[in-house]
Amino acid sequence: MYRFLISDRSLESSDTGVKGDTMINFDEEIKKFHPSLEIDDTEDAIYNSSVTDMTDIMLELMEEMKEN
């Protein structure tokens, strides 16, 4: 189990109501994490797009040079 101490005097402890250091349980936070659907959609759009980049252009030029 990982715990991180966050030192922020403006935070209040939920148990005591006293301002001070707050301990974050990293394992619990990971369990609560749900990826954003927007990120999944964006990732799919990026991986499924067939954008021509410089490498594609160079390969095409080299193929044309071999044919001629």
N, C-alpha and C. Protein backbone atom coordinates (compact mmCIF):
# COMPACT_ATOMS: atom_id res chain seq x y z
N MET A 1 0.84 -1.17 0.00
CA MET A 1 0.00 0.00 0.00
C MET A 1 0.89 1.24 0.00
N TYR A 2 0.52 2.21 -0.82
CA TYR A 2 1.26 3.45 -0.90
C TYR A 2 0.42 4.57 -0.32
N ARG A 3 1.07 5.39 0.48
CA ARG A 3 0.40 6.57 1.02
C ARG A 3 1.30 7.77 0.80
N PHE A 4 0.71 8.86 0.41
CA PHE A 4 1.45 10.08 0.17
C PHE A 4 0.94 11.17 1.08
N LEU A 5 1.86 11.88 1.68
CA LEU A 5 1.52 12.98 2.56
C LEU A 5 1.47 14.26 1.74
N ILE A 6 0.34 14.91 1.78
CA ILE A 6 0.16 16.18 1.09
C ILE A 6 0.14 17.25 2.16
N SER A 7 1.12 18.13 2.09
CA SER A 7 1.19 19.19 3.08
C SER A 7 0.58 20.45 2.50
N ASP A 8 -0.62 20.76 2.96
CA ASP A 8 -1.32 21.94 2.50
C ASP A 8 -2.11 22.50 3.67
N ARG A 9 -1.69 23.60 4.17
CA ARG A 9 -2.32 24.17 5.35
C ARG A 9 -3.75 24.63 5.08
N SER A 10 -4.14 24.75 3.80
CA SER A 10 -5.50 25.20 3.50
C SER A 10 -6.49 24.03 3.50
N LEU A 11 -6.01 22.79 3.53
CA LEU A 11 -6.90 21.63 3.54
C LEU A 11 -7.34 21.32 4.95
N GLU A 12 -8.58 20.88 5.10
CA GLU A 12 -9.07 20.47 6.40
C GLU A 12 -9.17 18.96 6.45
N SER A 13 -8.79 18.37 7.52
CA SER A 13 -8.94 16.94 7.72
C SER A 13 -10.42 16.63 7.88
N SER A 14 -10.90 15.60 7.17
CA SER A 14 -12.32 15.27 7.26
C SER A 14 -12.68 14.71 8.62
N ASP A 15 -11.71 14.12 9.33
CA ASP A 15 -11.98 13.53 10.64
C ASP A 15 -12.07 14.58 11.74
N THR A 16 -11.13 15.51 11.73
CA THR A 16 -11.05 16.44 12.85
C THR A 16 -11.52 17.85 12.51
N GLY A 17 -11.58 18.18 11.22
CA GLY A 17 -11.94 19.53 10.84
C GLY A 17 -10.80 20.51 11.05
N VAL A 18 -9.62 19.98 11.42
CA VAL A 18 -8.45 20.81 11.69
C VAL A 18 -7.61 20.91 10.42
N LYS A 19 -7.16 22.11 10.14
CA LYS A 19 -6.30 22.30 8.98
C LYS A 19 -4.94 21.67 9.24
N GLY A 20 -4.35 21.13 8.16
CA GLY A 20 -3.03 20.54 8.32
C GLY A 20 -2.71 19.57 7.20
N ASP A 21 -1.86 18.59 7.50
CA ASP A 21 -1.43 17.62 6.51
C ASP A 21 -2.54 16.62 6.21
N THR A 22 -2.60 16.17 4.95
CA THR A 22 -3.59 15.20 4.52
C THR A 22 -2.88 14.00 3.92
N MET A 23 -3.29 12.80 4.31
CA MET A 23 -2.70 11.58 3.80
C MET A 23 -3.60 11.02 2.69
N ILE A 24 -3.02 10.75 1.53
CA ILE A 24 -3.76 10.17 0.42
C ILE A 24 -3.37 8.71 0.29
N ASN A 25 -4.37 7.83 0.26
CA ASN A 25 -4.13 6.41 0.05
C ASN A 25 -4.15 6.16 -1.45
N PHE A 26 -2.97 5.95 -2.03
CA PHE A 26 -2.82 5.82 -3.47
C PHE A 26 -3.62 4.63 -4.01
N ASP A 27 -3.60 3.49 -3.33
CA ASP A 27 -4.33 2.31 -3.78
C ASP A 27 -5.83 2.56 -3.86
N GLU A 28 -6.37 3.26 -2.87
CA GLU A 28 -7.80 3.57 -2.89
C GLU A 28 -8.14 4.53 -4.03
N GLU A 29 -7.27 5.48 -4.28
CA GLU A 29 -7.51 6.43 -5.37
C GLU A 29 -7.49 5.73 -6.72
N ILE A 30 -6.58 4.77 -6.90
CA ILE A 30 -6.51 4.01 -8.15
C ILE A 30 -7.79 3.20 -8.35
N LYS A 31 -8.32 2.63 -7.28
CA LYS A 31 -9.57 1.86 -7.37
C LYS A 31 -10.72 2.74 -7.83
N LYS A 32 -10.72 4.01 -7.45
CA LYS A 32 -11.79 4.94 -7.80
C LYS A 32 -11.64 5.51 -9.21
N PHE A 33 -10.46 5.34 -9.80
CA PHE A 33 -10.17 5.96 -11.09
C PHE A 33 -10.96 5.31 -12.22
N HIS A 34 -11.57 6.14 -13.06
CA HIS A 34 -12.25 5.70 -14.27
C HIS A 34 -11.78 6.60 -15.40
N PRO A 35 -11.21 6.02 -16.47
CA PRO A 35 -10.73 6.86 -17.57
C PRO A 35 -11.87 7.63 -18.24
N SER A 36 -11.56 8.79 -18.71
CA SER A 36 -12.53 9.62 -19.39
C SER A 36 -12.90 9.01 -20.74
N LEU A 37 -14.19 9.01 -21.05
CA LEU A 37 -14.62 8.49 -22.34
C LEU A 37 -14.09 9.34 -23.49
N GLU A 38 -13.92 10.63 -23.25
CA GLU A 38 -13.38 11.51 -24.28
C GLU A 38 -11.97 11.09 -24.66
N ILE A 39 -11.18 10.67 -23.69
CA ILE A 39 -9.81 10.24 -23.97
C ILE A 39 -9.83 8.97 -24.81
N ASP A 40 -10.72 8.02 -24.47
CA ASP A 40 -10.83 6.80 -25.27
C ASP A 40 -11.24 7.11 -26.70
N ASP A 41 -12.20 8.01 -26.88
CA ASP A 41 -12.64 8.39 -28.23
C ASP A 41 -11.51 9.06 -29.00
N THR A 42 -10.78 9.93 -28.33
CA THR A 42 -9.66 10.61 -28.98
C THR A 42 -8.57 9.63 -29.36
N GLU A 43 -8.27 8.71 -28.47
CA GLU A 43 -7.25 7.70 -28.74
C GLU A 43 -7.65 6.86 -29.96
N ASP A 44 -8.90 6.43 -30.03
CA ASP A 44 -9.37 5.66 -31.18
C ASP A 44 -9.25 6.46 -32.48
N ALA A 45 -9.62 7.73 -32.43
CA ALA A 45 -9.54 8.57 -33.63
C ALA A 45 -8.10 8.73 -34.10
N ILE A 46 -7.17 8.85 -33.17
CA ILE A 46 -5.76 9.03 -33.54
C ILE A 46 -5.21 7.75 -34.14
N TYR A 47 -5.46 6.62 -33.49
CA TYR A 47 -4.90 5.35 -33.97
C TYR A 47 -5.57 4.87 -35.26
N ASN A 48 -6.82 5.23 -35.49
CA ASN A 48 -7.53 4.77 -36.68
C ASN A 48 -7.42 5.71 -37.87
N SER A 49 -6.77 6.84 -37.69
CA SER A 49 -6.63 7.78 -38.80
C SER A 49 -5.43 7.37 -39.66
N SER A 50 -5.55 7.65 -40.93
CA SER A 50 -4.46 7.31 -41.84
C SER A 50 -3.86 8.60 -42.40
N VAL A 51 -3.28 9.36 -41.54
CA VAL A 51 -2.66 10.61 -41.92
C VAL A 51 -1.30 10.31 -42.55
N THR A 52 -1.06 10.90 -43.70
CA THR A 52 0.23 10.73 -44.36
C THR A 52 1.26 11.58 -43.65
N ASP A 53 2.35 10.94 -43.25
CA ASP A 53 3.42 11.70 -42.61
C ASP A 53 4.65 11.68 -43.51
N MET A 54 5.71 12.28 -43.05
CA MET A 54 6.92 12.42 -43.86
C MET A 54 7.50 11.06 -44.25
N THR A 55 7.41 10.09 -43.36
CA THR A 55 7.93 8.75 -43.67
C THR A 55 7.17 8.14 -44.83
N ASP A 56 5.84 8.28 -44.83
CA ASP A 56 5.03 7.76 -45.94
C ASP A 56 5.42 8.41 -47.26
N ILE A 57 5.64 9.69 -47.24
CA ILE A 57 6.03 10.42 -48.46
C ILE A 57 7.38 9.93 -48.95
N MET A 58 8.33 9.78 -48.04
CA MET A 58 9.67 9.32 -48.44
C MET A 58 9.61 7.90 -49.01
N LEU A 59 8.84 7.02 -48.39
CA LEU A 59 8.71 5.65 -48.91
C LEU A 59 8.08 5.64 -50.30
N GLU A 60 7.08 6.48 -50.50
CA GLU A 60 6.44 6.57 -51.80
C GLU A 60 7.40 7.08 -52.86
N LEU A 61 8.18 8.10 -52.52
CA LEU A 61 9.18 8.62 -53.45
C LEU A 61 10.24 7.58 -53.79
N MET A 62 10.66 6.81 -52.80
CA MET A 62 11.67 5.78 -53.05
C MET A 62 11.12 4.67 -53.94
N GLU A 63 9.85 4.31 -53.77
CA GLU A 63 9.22 3.32 -54.62
C GLU A 63 9.13 3.82 -56.05
N GLU A 64 8.77 5.09 -56.22
CA GLU A 64 8.69 5.68 -57.56
C GLU A 64 10.07 5.70 -58.21
N MET A 65 11.11 5.98 -57.46
CA MET A 65 12.47 6.02 -58.00
C MET A 65 12.90 4.63 -58.44
N LYS A 66 12.53 3.60 -57.71
CA LYS A 66 12.86 2.22 -58.08
C LYS A 66 12.17 1.80 -59.37
N GLU A 67 10.93 2.24 -59.54
CA GLU A 67 10.16 1.88 -60.73
C GLU A 67 10.71 2.54 -61.97
N ASN A 68 11.28 3.71 -61.86
CA ASN A 68 11.79 4.45 -63.04
C ASN A 68 13.18 4.11 -63.32
